[in-house]
Amino acid sequence: MINANFRKLVLGRAVGNAGDSIYMIAMNWFILQLTNSALWIGIMNVAIVLPGVLLFLFGDSIDRHSKRRLLVAVEFSQLVIVVMLIGLVALHIKLPGIYVGLVFVAALFGSLAYPIQDTLVPLLVEPDQLVQAQADMSIAYKGTDYVFNALSGFLISLCSVLGVLIMDAATFVVTVATFRRIKLAEPRQQHTREKSLYLNQILVGFKIISTDPLLRLLTFASVVMNFFFGGLNTYVVLFGRHFGGSIYYGILESMSAVGILLGMTVVYRQLKKLTVRQSYLIGNFSRDVFD
């Protein structure tokens, strides 16, 4: 790989993403066992995906602070949340709202790790190595995603949710230790941009979307499509139980990740030969049909 520091970043990303996958699969299955409710599974999945919508609020903070320290902090925060989940499960606490709240906080820290890592890459590699570096990071992300989604289902059946969460805590210990070993002389941050200016720039973006008919249509369509796609995540848990248990849940999640990976490579190469409008319609129509 490109250099020692970049190898540590890729390794940390792979192990950290494995940790993300493990607790998300484990907590979805746990909530199903605890409540036997599709509604609570839906709420849990909202808690998992909602932080990704809020990332735009943290861009200025990421710019202002040490990327390496932030990365260590968010991974350590996830470790703390997982340890709290372990304690609650071990004590047989049966309040689903507490679990959902903790998973939301953990998912927020997990989501922050990705933009922080992306801003670190240009600081660790040469400009002509950026394409290869991003490809390596993408493989570390998607590769561990579908592997550990499937593996988590098998682990739950063998070790229980509590055992899987303990393993998950170990992955975050490794991630924190790996990121701490990255040696990086970060450029001194110039805190010249006011917080109000950053918020104004965000509002300008929303204004552009609201005034442009095409962007308005695309935004609305994306919201609707993602709403239905998010609903599929709820039913995957129920399908897993219907087919025979947590092993099948992990397999279904794995197939979803493999499909996304193939879509980003093989299918994309075919769709890019078409116009943007044609690709958008075909992609969303196909997703709706299979959902």
Protein backbone atom coordinates (compact mmCIF):
# COMPACT_ATOMS: atom_id res chain seq x y z
CA MET A 1 0.00 0.00 0.00
CA ILE A 2 1.04 3.64 -0.49
CA ASN A 3 2.79 4.35 2.85
CA ALA A 4 2.76 3.28 6.51
CA ASN A 5 0.44 6.04 7.73
CA PHE A 6 -2.04 5.42 4.96
CA ARG A 7 -1.99 1.69 5.74
CA LYS A 8 -2.97 2.52 9.32
CA LEU A 9 -5.84 4.66 8.07
CA VAL A 10 -7.12 1.89 5.78
CA LEU A 11 -6.75 -0.74 8.50
CA GLY A 12 -8.54 1.47 11.01
CA ARG A 13 -11.31 2.17 8.53
CA ALA A 14 -11.77 -1.54 7.77
CA VAL A 15 -11.85 -2.58 11.43
CA GLY A 16 -14.01 0.39 12.44
CA ASN A 17 -16.50 -0.29 9.68
CA ALA A 18 -16.65 -3.91 10.79
CA GLY A 19 -17.56 -2.57 14.23
CA ASP A 20 -20.30 -0.40 12.74
CA SER A 21 -21.77 -3.36 10.87
CA ILE A 22 -21.67 -5.64 13.90
CA TYR A 23 -23.56 -3.44 16.34
CA MET A 24 -26.13 -2.35 13.73
CA ILE A 25 -26.97 -5.96 12.85
CA ALA A 26 -26.86 -7.06 16.49
CA MET A 27 -29.11 -4.26 17.76
CA ASN A 28 -31.68 -4.73 15.00
CA TRP A 29 -31.94 -8.39 15.90
CA PHE A 30 -32.01 -7.59 19.63
CA ILE A 31 -34.85 -5.08 19.22
CA LEU A 32 -36.83 -7.69 17.28
CA GLN A 33 -36.35 -10.18 20.11
CA LEU A 34 -37.16 -7.57 22.77
CA THR A 35 -40.30 -6.03 21.23
CA ASN A 36 -41.43 -8.39 18.44
CA SER A 37 -42.50 -5.17 16.72
CA ALA A 38 -41.89 -4.02 13.15
CA LEU A 39 -42.48 -0.46 14.35
CA TRP A 40 -39.54 -0.59 16.76
CA ILE A 41 -37.31 -2.09 14.08
CA GLY A 42 -38.26 0.83 11.85
CA ILE A 43 -37.47 3.30 14.63
CA MET A 44 -34.10 1.61 15.18
CA ASN A 45 -33.27 1.90 11.48
CA VAL A 46 -34.23 5.57 11.50
CA ALA A 47 -31.81 6.03 14.40
CA ILE A 48 -29.09 4.33 12.34
CA VAL A 49 -29.54 6.30 9.09
CA LEU A 50 -30.68 9.71 10.37
CA PRO A 51 -27.18 10.85 11.45
CA GLY A 52 -26.07 10.71 7.83
CA VAL A 53 -28.60 13.43 7.04
CA LEU A 54 -27.14 15.68 9.74
CA LEU A 55 -23.50 15.54 8.65
CA PHE A 56 -23.68 18.92 6.89
CA LEU A 57 -23.90 20.55 10.33
CA PHE A 58 -20.40 19.39 11.29
CA GLY A 59 -18.33 20.38 8.24
CA ASP A 60 -17.03 23.58 9.80
CA SER A 61 -16.00 21.82 13.03
CA ILE A 62 -14.10 19.18 11.06
CA ASP A 63 -12.26 21.91 9.15
CA ARG A 64 -11.28 23.72 12.33
CA HIS A 65 -9.76 20.86 14.33
CA SER A 66 -7.07 18.19 14.09
CA LYS A 67 -8.40 15.44 11.84
CA ARG A 68 -6.42 12.68 13.56
CA ARG A 69 -7.60 13.69 17.03
CA LEU A 70 -11.19 13.97 15.85
CA LEU A 71 -10.97 10.52 14.29
CA VAL A 72 -9.64 9.00 17.50
CA ALA A 73 -12.34 10.83 19.50
CA VAL A 74 -15.29 9.62 17.41
CA GLU A 75 -14.09 6.01 17.43
CA PHE A 76 -13.48 6.13 21.18
CA SER A 77 -16.98 7.58 21.63
CA GLN A 78 -18.44 4.62 19.75
CA LEU A 79 -16.50 2.30 22.04
CA VAL A 80 -18.05 3.99 25.07
CA ILE A 81 -21.57 3.63 23.62
CA VAL A 82 -21.04 -0.06 22.81
CA VAL A 83 -19.80 -0.69 26.37
CA MET A 84 -22.98 0.97 27.65
CA LEU A 85 -25.07 -1.27 25.38
CA ILE A 86 -23.22 -4.31 26.73
CA GLY A 87 -24.08 -3.25 30.28
CA LEU A 88 -27.76 -2.73 29.47
CA VAL A 89 -28.09 -6.06 27.66
CA ALA A 90 -26.27 -7.88 30.47
CA LEU A 91 -28.62 -6.33 33.03
CA HIS A 92 -31.66 -7.37 30.93
CA ILE A 93 -32.95 -3.81 30.67
CA LYS A 94 -36.14 -3.96 28.57
CA LEU A 95 -36.60 -0.32 27.54
CA PRO A 96 -36.24 -0.17 23.73
CA GLY A 97 -36.13 3.62 23.71
CA ILE A 98 -32.81 3.60 25.61
CA TYR A 99 -31.24 1.26 23.07
CA VAL A 100 -32.52 3.33 20.16
CA GLY A 101 -31.14 6.53 21.70
CA LEU A 102 -27.70 5.02 22.28
CA VAL A 103 -27.57 3.55 18.79
CA PHE A 104 -28.46 6.96 17.35
CA VAL A 105 -25.52 8.56 19.19
CA ALA A 106 -23.18 5.74 18.13
CA ALA A 107 -24.33 6.04 14.51
CA LEU A 108 -23.76 9.80 14.63
CA PHE A 109 -20.14 9.31 15.71
CA GLY A 110 -19.76 6.52 13.15
CA SER A 111 -21.07 8.74 10.36
CA LEU A 112 -18.66 11.53 11.33
CA ALA A 113 -15.71 9.16 10.93
CA TYR A 114 -16.14 8.96 7.15
CA PRO A 115 -15.81 12.66 6.20
CA ILE A 116 -12.96 12.99 8.70
CA GLN A 117 -11.15 10.07 7.08
CA ASP A 118 -11.77 11.51 3.63
CA THR A 119 -10.16 14.82 4.66
CA LEU A 120 -7.16 12.91 6.04
CA VAL A 121 -6.40 11.07 2.80
CA PRO A 122 -4.95 14.11 0.91
CA LEU A 123 -2.72 14.80 3.93
CA LEU A 124 -1.27 11.28 3.88
CA VAL A 125 -0.66 10.66 0.17
CA GLU A 126 0.75 12.53 -2.81
CA PRO A 127 -1.69 14.21 -5.25
CA ASP A 128 -0.98 11.64 -7.97
CA GLN A 129 -1.82 8.84 -5.52
CA LEU A 130 -5.26 10.15 -4.55
CA VAL A 131 -7.24 8.01 -7.02
CA GLN A 132 -5.59 4.79 -5.83
CA ALA A 133 -5.94 5.89 -2.21
CA GLN A 134 -9.68 6.52 -2.55
CA ALA A 135 -10.10 3.15 -4.27
CA ASP A 136 -8.32 1.42 -1.36
CA MET A 137 -10.51 3.25 1.14
CA SER A 138 -13.66 2.29 -0.76
CA ILE A 139 -12.65 -1.38 -0.78
CA ALA A 140 -11.95 -1.23 2.95
CA TYR A 141 -15.40 0.25 3.49
CA LYS A 142 -17.54 -1.91 1.22
CA GLY A 143 -15.50 -5.07 1.65
CA THR A 144 -15.87 -5.16 5.42
CA ASP A 145 -19.49 -4.05 5.11
CA TYR A 146 -20.85 -7.13 3.36
CA VAL A 147 -18.42 -9.57 4.99
CA PHE A 148 -19.31 -8.54 8.54
CA ASN A 149 -23.01 -8.11 7.80
CA ALA A 150 -23.13 -11.82 6.97
CA LEU A 151 -20.66 -12.81 9.68
CA SER A 152 -22.67 -10.97 12.36
CA GLY A 153 -25.69 -13.16 11.68
CA PHE A 154 -23.63 -16.29 12.21
CA LEU A 155 -22.00 -14.85 15.34
CA ILE A 156 -25.37 -13.97 16.89
CA SER A 157 -26.56 -17.54 16.42
CA LEU A 158 -23.37 -18.86 18.03
CA CYS A 159 -22.63 -16.34 20.79
CA SER A 160 -25.85 -14.34 21.43
CA VAL A 161 -26.24 -10.59 21.01
CA LEU A 162 -24.25 -9.93 24.19
CA GLY A 163 -21.28 -11.94 22.95
CA VAL A 164 -21.34 -10.15 19.61
CA LEU A 165 -21.40 -6.74 21.30
CA ILE A 166 -18.34 -7.70 23.37
CA MET A 167 -16.54 -8.63 20.14
CA ASP A 168 -17.69 -5.32 18.69
CA ALA A 169 -16.14 -3.41 21.58
CA ALA A 170 -12.84 -5.14 20.81
CA THR A 171 -12.96 -3.89 17.20
CA PHE A 172 -13.26 -0.29 18.40
CA VAL A 173 -10.32 -0.78 20.78
CA VAL A 174 -8.23 -1.89 17.79
CA THR A 175 -9.51 1.03 15.70
CA VAL A 176 -8.65 3.63 18.33
CA ALA A 177 -5.18 2.13 18.85
CA THR A 178 -4.56 2.07 15.08
CA PHE A 179 -5.61 5.68 14.47
CA ARG A 180 -3.54 6.88 17.42
CA ARG A 181 -0.43 5.49 15.70
CA ILE A 182 -0.87 7.68 12.62
CA LYS A 183 1.99 10.19 12.48
CA LEU A 184 0.84 13.38 10.84
CA ALA A 185 1.98 17.00 10.93
CA GLU A 186 -1.28 18.74 10.13
CA PRO A 187 -1.20 22.28 8.75
CA ARG A 188 -2.11 24.96 11.26
CA GLN A 189 -5.81 25.71 11.03
CA GLN A 190 -6.81 29.25 10.13
CA HIS A 191 -9.99 30.03 12.08
CA THR A 192 -11.04 32.89 9.86
CA ARG A 193 -14.51 31.69 8.95
CA GLU A 194 -17.26 32.66 11.34
CA LYS A 195 -19.87 30.11 12.35
CA SER A 196 -22.62 32.38 11.08
CA LEU A 197 -20.96 32.50 7.64
CA TYR A 198 -20.89 28.70 7.48
CA LEU A 199 -24.57 28.51 8.39
CA ASN A 200 -25.35 31.13 5.75
CA GLN A 201 -23.58 29.00 3.14
CA ILE A 202 -25.75 26.04 4.14
CA LEU A 203 -28.89 28.15 3.81
CA VAL A 204 -27.77 29.29 0.36
CA GLY A 205 -27.61 25.63 -0.69
CA PHE A 206 -31.18 25.03 0.50
CA LYS A 207 -32.30 28.19 -1.27
CA ILE A 208 -30.77 27.03 -4.57
CA ILE A 209 -32.63 23.72 -4.29
CA SER A 210 -35.93 25.41 -3.44
CA THR A 211 -35.77 27.85 -6.36
CA ASP A 212 -34.60 25.45 -9.08
CA PRO A 213 -37.49 23.28 -10.41
CA LEU A 214 -35.21 20.44 -11.55
CA LEU A 215 -33.28 20.31 -8.28
CA ARG A 216 -36.58 20.47 -6.39
CA LEU A 217 -37.91 17.50 -8.34
CA LEU A 218 -34.72 15.47 -7.92
CA THR A 219 -34.62 16.19 -4.18
CA PHE A 220 -38.26 15.21 -3.71
CA ALA A 221 -37.83 12.04 -5.78
CA SER A 222 -34.71 11.09 -3.83
CA VAL A 223 -36.50 11.56 -0.51
CA VAL A 224 -39.39 9.36 -1.62
CA MET A 225 -37.12 6.66 -3.05
CA ASN A 226 -34.92 6.57 0.03
CA PHE A 227 -37.98 6.39 2.28
CA PHE A 228 -39.12 3.20 0.57
CA PHE A 229 -35.57 1.84 0.40
CA GLY A 230 -35.22 2.48 4.13
CA GLY A 231 -38.40 0.52 4.70
CA LEU A 232 -36.73 -2.49 3.12
CA ASN A 233 -34.17 -2.51 5.95
CA THR A 234 -37.01 -3.07 8.41
CA TYR A 235 -38.45 -5.98 6.47
CA VAL A 236 -35.07 -7.62 6.00
CA VAL A 237 -34.98 -8.25 9.76
CA LEU A 238 -38.46 -9.79 9.64
CA PHE A 239 -37.57 -11.86 6.57
CA GLY A 240 -34.50 -13.17 8.39
CA ARG A 241 -36.63 -14.40 11.29
CA HIS A 242 -39.20 -15.86 8.90
CA PHE A 243 -36.57 -17.83 6.99
CA GLY A 244 -35.05 -19.31 10.11
CA GLY A 245 -33.06 -16.91 12.28
CA SER A 246 -30.20 -14.44 12.55
CA ILE A 247 -28.02 -16.34 10.07
CA TYR A 248 -30.48 -15.59 7.28
CA TYR A 249 -30.73 -11.98 8.39
CA GLY A 250 -26.97 -11.63 8.00
CA ILE A 251 -27.05 -13.29 4.58
CA LEU A 252 -29.80 -10.95 3.36
CA GLU A 253 -27.85 -7.91 4.56
CA SER A 254 -24.75 -9.25 2.87
CA MET A 255 -26.56 -9.65 -0.45
CA SER A 256 -27.73 -6.04 -0.18
CA ALA A 257 -24.15 -4.81 0.27
CA VAL A 258 -22.91 -6.99 -2.61
CA GLY A 259 -25.65 -5.54 -4.81
CA ILE A 260 -24.57 -2.01 -3.95
CA LEU A 261 -20.94 -2.88 -4.73
CA LEU A 262 -21.90 -4.36 -8.10
CA GLY A 263 -24.08 -1.35 -8.83
CA MET A 264 -21.17 0.98 -8.16
CA THR A 265 -18.95 -0.91 -10.60
CA VAL A 266 -20.54 -3.13 -13.25
CA VAL A 267 -23.95 -1.47 -13.56
CA TYR A 268 -22.47 2.03 -13.38
CA ARG A 269 -20.25 1.34 -16.37
CA GLN A 270 -23.33 0.50 -18.42
CA LEU A 271 -25.55 3.32 -17.17
CA LYS A 272 -22.92 6.00 -17.76
CA LYS A 273 -23.33 5.37 -21.50
CA LEU A 274 -26.84 6.79 -21.22
CA THR A 275 -27.97 10.31 -20.45
CA VAL A 276 -28.21 11.40 -16.82
CA ARG A 277 -32.01 11.42 -17.04
CA GLN A 278 -32.17 7.91 -18.49
CA SER A 279 -29.74 6.52 -15.90
CA TYR A 280 -31.67 8.16 -13.05
CA LEU A 281 -35.02 6.77 -14.22
CA ILE A 282 -33.70 3.26 -14.87
CA GLY A 283 -31.86 3.12 -11.56
CA ASN A 284 -34.81 4.26 -9.45
CA PHE A 285 -37.35 2.18 -11.37
CA SER A 286 -35.23 -0.96 -10.93
CA ARG A 287 -34.84 -0.31 -7.22
CA ASP A 288 -38.59 0.12 -6.78
CA VAL A 289 -39.39 -3.07 -8.72
CA PHE A 290 -37.02 -5.22 -6.65
CA ASP A 291 -38.00 -3.55 -3.37
